[in-house]
Amino acid sequence: MIALSNFRLLHSSEVKKFLLMIILIFLISSAPENYLLSSLYNNDTTINSPIVLWKYKISMGLLVFPLNMDDIDGDGELEVLAPIGLDLFILSGKDGDIEWHFYEDGGIETSVTTGDVNGDAEKEIVFIAGIRLYVYNGRDKLLLWNYSAFETSGMIATPTLGDVEGDGQTEIVFGTDEGNVYCLNGEDGSLLWNYTVSGEVVSSPALGDVDGDGRL
């Protein structure tokens, strides 16, 4: 399988002054089993291979979307957000222990987005499973709300967060493979608007001020 990676440069007071740690999360194929690995590198260029910190076994043949890392619970440590097949796993970046698990019959078909969507100064977990978009509180993993697009097939584009309305609040924008783009209120999941295009929406929406009016 193709390796999927996401990395972040960290500084640690527990190691020598000039030691740089990069946490690299990736998926490898190791017949007959697959593993999710966390590896440690330092700034010594003579090291040719990673040091395995931990590994998490997954079943062969499962579809894995790009991983994400973030401190979603505010404890100062990174978590690994891994959508694998029908499951979403949140693993401790330190040791690979499962911190939270979500299952959906329709499967997890996008990467996970994180950010403060409801203005509570805490991060939320935003992802699509089956035909629903889910928003969970990152600290205690409580469901805040979910939204069904009432479509017969799935949604395969990772949601994008941004202040689309210019009101200081975060909106969630995502597309579907039935050709619809939705914009939801991040606080309560209410539909603000939707737009229909001529084909499938298979990529994440890009938000930016393209006309120079000071708004997204």
Protein backbone atom coordinates (compact mmCIF):
# COMPACT_ATOMS: atom_id res chain seq x y z
CA MET A 1 0.00 0.00 0.00
CA ILE A 2 1.07 3.59 -0.52
CA ALA A 3 2.44 5.22 2.61
CA LEU A 4 0.35 8.06 4.02
CA SER A 5 2.15 10.56 6.22
CA ASN A 6 1.57 13.60 8.35
CA PHE A 7 4.28 15.18 10.45
CA ARG A 8 4.96 17.94 12.92
CA LEU A 9 8.22 19.27 14.39
CA LEU A 10 8.36 19.04 18.17
CA HIS A 11 10.75 20.31 20.82
CA SER A 12 11.12 18.33 24.07
CA SER A 13 12.66 19.34 27.41
CA GLU A 14 13.18 15.68 28.26
CA VAL A 15 15.92 15.13 25.69
CA LYS A 16 19.22 16.78 24.97
CA LYS A 17 19.22 20.42 23.93
CA PHE A 18 19.96 19.78 20.27
CA LEU A 19 17.72 16.80 19.79
CA LEU A 20 14.91 17.42 17.30
CA MET A 21 12.00 15.02 17.24
CA ILE A 22 9.72 14.55 14.28
CA ILE A 23 6.73 12.32 14.74
CA LEU A 24 6.03 10.57 11.46
CA ILE A 25 2.83 8.59 11.17
CA PHE A 26 2.54 6.29 8.20
CA LEU A 27 0.94 3.14 6.90
CA ILE A 28 3.02 0.30 5.55
CA SER A 29 2.29 -3.08 4.06
CA SER A 30 4.04 -5.79 6.02
CA ALA A 31 2.83 -9.13 4.70
CA PRO A 32 0.70 -10.70 5.89
CA GLU A 33 -0.39 -7.81 8.16
CA ASN A 34 -0.62 -4.02 7.99
CA TYR A 35 0.52 -1.67 10.73
CA LEU A 36 0.13 1.95 11.58
CA LEU A 37 3.56 3.06 12.82
CA SER A 38 4.94 5.97 14.78
CA SER A 39 8.65 6.64 14.28
CA LEU A 40 11.20 8.90 15.90
CA TYR A 41 13.98 10.76 14.08
CA ASN A 42 16.65 13.06 15.45
CA ASN A 43 18.98 15.49 13.71
CA ASP A 44 21.81 12.99 13.33
CA THR A 45 22.12 12.52 9.57
CA THR A 46 23.99 9.24 10.06
CA ILE A 47 20.78 7.49 11.12
CA ASN A 48 19.41 5.62 8.12
CA SER A 49 16.29 4.03 9.57
CA PRO A 50 13.52 5.13 11.91
CA ILE A 51 13.19 3.99 15.49
CA VAL A 52 9.74 2.48 15.99
CA LEU A 53 8.00 4.00 19.01
CA TRP A 54 4.80 2.02 18.60
CA LYS A 55 2.67 0.26 16.04
CA TYR A 56 -1.03 -0.36 15.71
CA LYS A 57 -2.26 -3.42 13.84
CA ILE A 58 -5.08 -3.03 11.29
CA SER A 59 -6.78 -5.58 9.04
CA MET A 60 -5.58 -6.21 5.53
CA GLY A 61 -7.51 -4.62 2.69
CA LEU A 62 -9.05 -1.76 4.65
CA LEU A 63 -9.25 1.63 2.96
CA VAL A 64 -7.26 4.20 4.91
CA PHE A 65 -7.70 7.92 4.29
CA PRO A 66 -4.95 10.48 5.00
CA LEU A 67 -4.21 10.72 8.70
CA ASN A 68 -4.31 13.84 10.81
CA MET A 69 -2.60 14.87 14.05
CA ASP A 70 -3.76 17.47 16.53
CA ASP A 71 -4.10 18.09 20.24
CA ILE A 72 -7.86 17.71 20.22
CA ASP A 73 -8.41 17.38 23.97
CA GLY A 74 -6.19 20.24 25.11
CA ASP A 75 -3.80 18.14 27.19
CA GLY A 76 -0.69 19.39 25.40
CA GLU A 77 -0.09 16.09 23.59
CA LEU A 78 -0.85 15.12 20.00
CA GLU A 79 -3.45 12.57 19.03
CA VAL A 80 -3.50 10.60 15.78
CA LEU A 81 -6.84 10.66 13.96
CA ALA A 82 -7.02 7.59 11.73
CA PRO A 83 -10.08 6.81 9.54
CA ILE A 84 -9.74 3.12 8.69
CA GLY A 85 -12.49 1.27 6.86
CA LEU A 86 -15.73 1.50 8.86
CA ASP A 87 -13.95 2.95 11.88
CA LEU A 88 -12.41 6.17 13.12
CA PHE A 89 -9.67 5.65 15.67
CA ILE A 90 -8.14 8.36 17.84
CA LEU A 91 -4.82 7.12 19.13
CA SER A 92 -2.38 8.56 21.61
CA GLY A 93 0.57 10.00 19.72
CA LYS A 94 2.81 9.01 22.59
CA ASP A 95 2.14 5.28 22.78
CA GLY A 96 -0.58 4.38 20.23
CA ASP A 97 -3.23 3.54 22.83
CA ILE A 98 -6.83 3.94 21.66
CA GLU A 99 -8.37 7.06 23.21
CA TRP A 100 -11.65 6.91 21.28
CA HIS A 101 -13.34 4.80 18.63
CA PHE A 102 -16.26 5.53 16.27
CA TYR A 103 -17.98 2.98 14.04
CA GLU A 104 -20.32 3.60 11.11
CA ASP A 105 -21.86 0.96 8.81
CA GLY A 106 -21.48 3.30 5.83
CA GLY A 107 -17.74 3.67 6.42
CA ILE A 108 -15.51 6.68 7.06
CA GLU A 109 -14.86 8.12 3.62
CA THR A 110 -12.93 11.32 4.39
CA SER A 111 -10.06 12.57 6.46
CA VAL A 112 -10.88 14.18 9.80
CA THR A 113 -10.95 17.97 10.18
CA THR A 114 -10.36 19.64 13.55
CA GLY A 115 -11.04 23.17 14.75
CA ASP A 116 -13.25 25.32 16.96
CA VAL A 117 -16.54 25.30 15.05
CA ASN A 118 -18.89 26.54 17.79
CA GLY A 119 -16.89 29.30 19.48
CA ASP A 120 -16.30 27.48 22.77
CA ALA A 121 -12.49 27.89 22.54
CA GLU A 122 -12.10 24.11 22.28
CA LYS A 123 -11.43 21.95 19.25
CA GLU A 124 -14.10 19.83 17.63
CA ILE A 125 -13.75 16.73 15.47
CA VAL A 126 -15.49 17.02 12.09
CA PHE A 127 -15.84 14.07 9.72
CA ILE A 128 -18.21 12.37 7.30
CA ALA A 129 -19.44 8.81 7.72
CA GLY A 130 -21.97 7.29 5.35
CA ILE A 131 -24.38 10.10 4.41
CA ARG A 132 -23.93 12.13 7.60
CA LEU A 133 -21.53 14.79 8.76
CA TYR A 134 -20.65 14.49 12.45
CA VAL A 135 -19.28 17.05 14.90
CA TYR A 136 -17.90 15.80 18.21
CA ASN A 137 -16.36 17.72 21.08
CA GLY A 138 -12.63 16.98 21.09
CA ARG A 139 -12.20 17.00 24.86
CA ASP A 140 -14.91 14.61 26.02
CA LYS A 141 -15.95 13.09 22.63
CA LEU A 142 -19.62 14.01 23.07
CA LEU A 143 -21.73 14.35 19.93
CA LEU A 144 -22.64 18.01 19.39
CA TRP A 145 -24.70 17.50 16.24
CA ASN A 146 -24.87 15.67 12.95
CA TYR A 147 -26.29 16.59 9.57
CA SER A 148 -27.79 14.33 6.94
CA ALA A 149 -27.74 15.53 3.35
CA PHE A 150 -30.56 13.08 2.55
CA GLU A 151 -28.65 11.74 -0.41
CA THR A 152 -28.62 8.15 -1.58
CA SER A 153 -24.85 7.84 -1.93
CA GLY A 154 -21.92 8.97 0.12
CA MET A 155 -19.89 12.10 0.71
CA ILE A 156 -16.23 11.61 -0.09
CA ALA A 157 -14.69 15.10 0.20
CA THR A 158 -13.13 16.18 3.50
CA PRO A 159 -15.05 19.11 5.08
CA THR A 160 -13.46 22.57 5.15
CA LEU A 161 -13.83 25.07 8.02
CA GLY A 162 -13.92 28.86 7.64
CA ASP A 163 -15.83 32.07 8.33
CA VAL A 164 -17.72 32.02 5.03
CA GLU A 165 -20.48 34.39 6.16
CA GLY A 166 -18.07 37.02 7.53
CA ASP A 167 -19.89 37.07 10.88
CA GLY A 168 -17.00 35.92 13.04
CA GLN A 169 -18.44 32.40 13.28
CA THR A 170 -17.08 29.23 11.72
CA GLU A 171 -18.99 27.48 8.97
CA ILE A 172 -18.48 23.96 7.62
CA VAL A 173 -18.43 23.49 3.84
CA PHE A 174 -18.43 20.11 2.11
CA GLY A 175 -19.43 18.49 -1.17
CA THR A 176 -21.08 15.22 -2.17
CA ASP A 177 -20.77 12.77 -4.99
CA GLU A 178 -24.29 13.72 -6.10
CA GLY A 179 -23.02 17.17 -7.07
CA ASN A 180 -24.12 19.29 -4.11
CA VAL A 181 -22.09 21.71 -1.97
CA TYR A 182 -23.41 22.48 1.51
CA CYS A 183 -22.56 25.25 3.97
CA LEU A 184 -23.57 24.60 7.59
CA ASN A 185 -23.62 26.73 10.72
CA GLY A 186 -20.79 25.38 12.85
CA GLU A 187 -22.59 26.03 16.12
CA ASP A 188 -25.78 24.05 15.53
CA GLY A 189 -25.47 22.37 12.12
CA SER A 190 -28.29 24.31 10.48
CA LEU A 191 -28.13 24.64 6.70
CA LEU A 192 -27.09 28.11 5.53
CA TRP A 193 -27.06 27.38 1.81
CA ASN A 194 -26.36 24.72 -0.77
CA TYR A 195 -25.29 24.81 -4.40
CA THR A 196 -25.61 22.18 -7.12
CA VAL A 197 -22.87 21.56 -9.68
CA SER A 198 -22.91 19.42 -12.81
CA GLY A 199 -20.82 16.54 -11.48
CA GLU A 200 -19.43 14.81 -8.42
CA VAL A 201 -17.63 16.87 -5.79
CA VAL A 202 -14.59 14.72 -5.02
CA SER A 203 -12.25 17.27 -3.44
CA SER A 204 -12.39 19.49 -0.38
CA PRO A 205 -13.76 23.01 -0.94
CA ALA A 206 -11.09 25.73 -1.06
CA LEU A 207 -11.96 28.91 0.84
CA GLY A 208 -10.28 32.26 0.10
CA ASP A 209 -10.84 35.91 -0.79
CA VAL A 210 -10.57 35.59 -4.59
CA ASP A 211 -12.31 38.87 -5.45
CA GLY A 212 -10.48 41.08 -2.96
CA ASP A 213 -13.56 42.23 -1.05
CA GLY A 214 -12.16 41.26 2.36
CA ARG A 215 -14.38 38.22 2.73
CA LEU A 216 -13.96 34.54 1.95
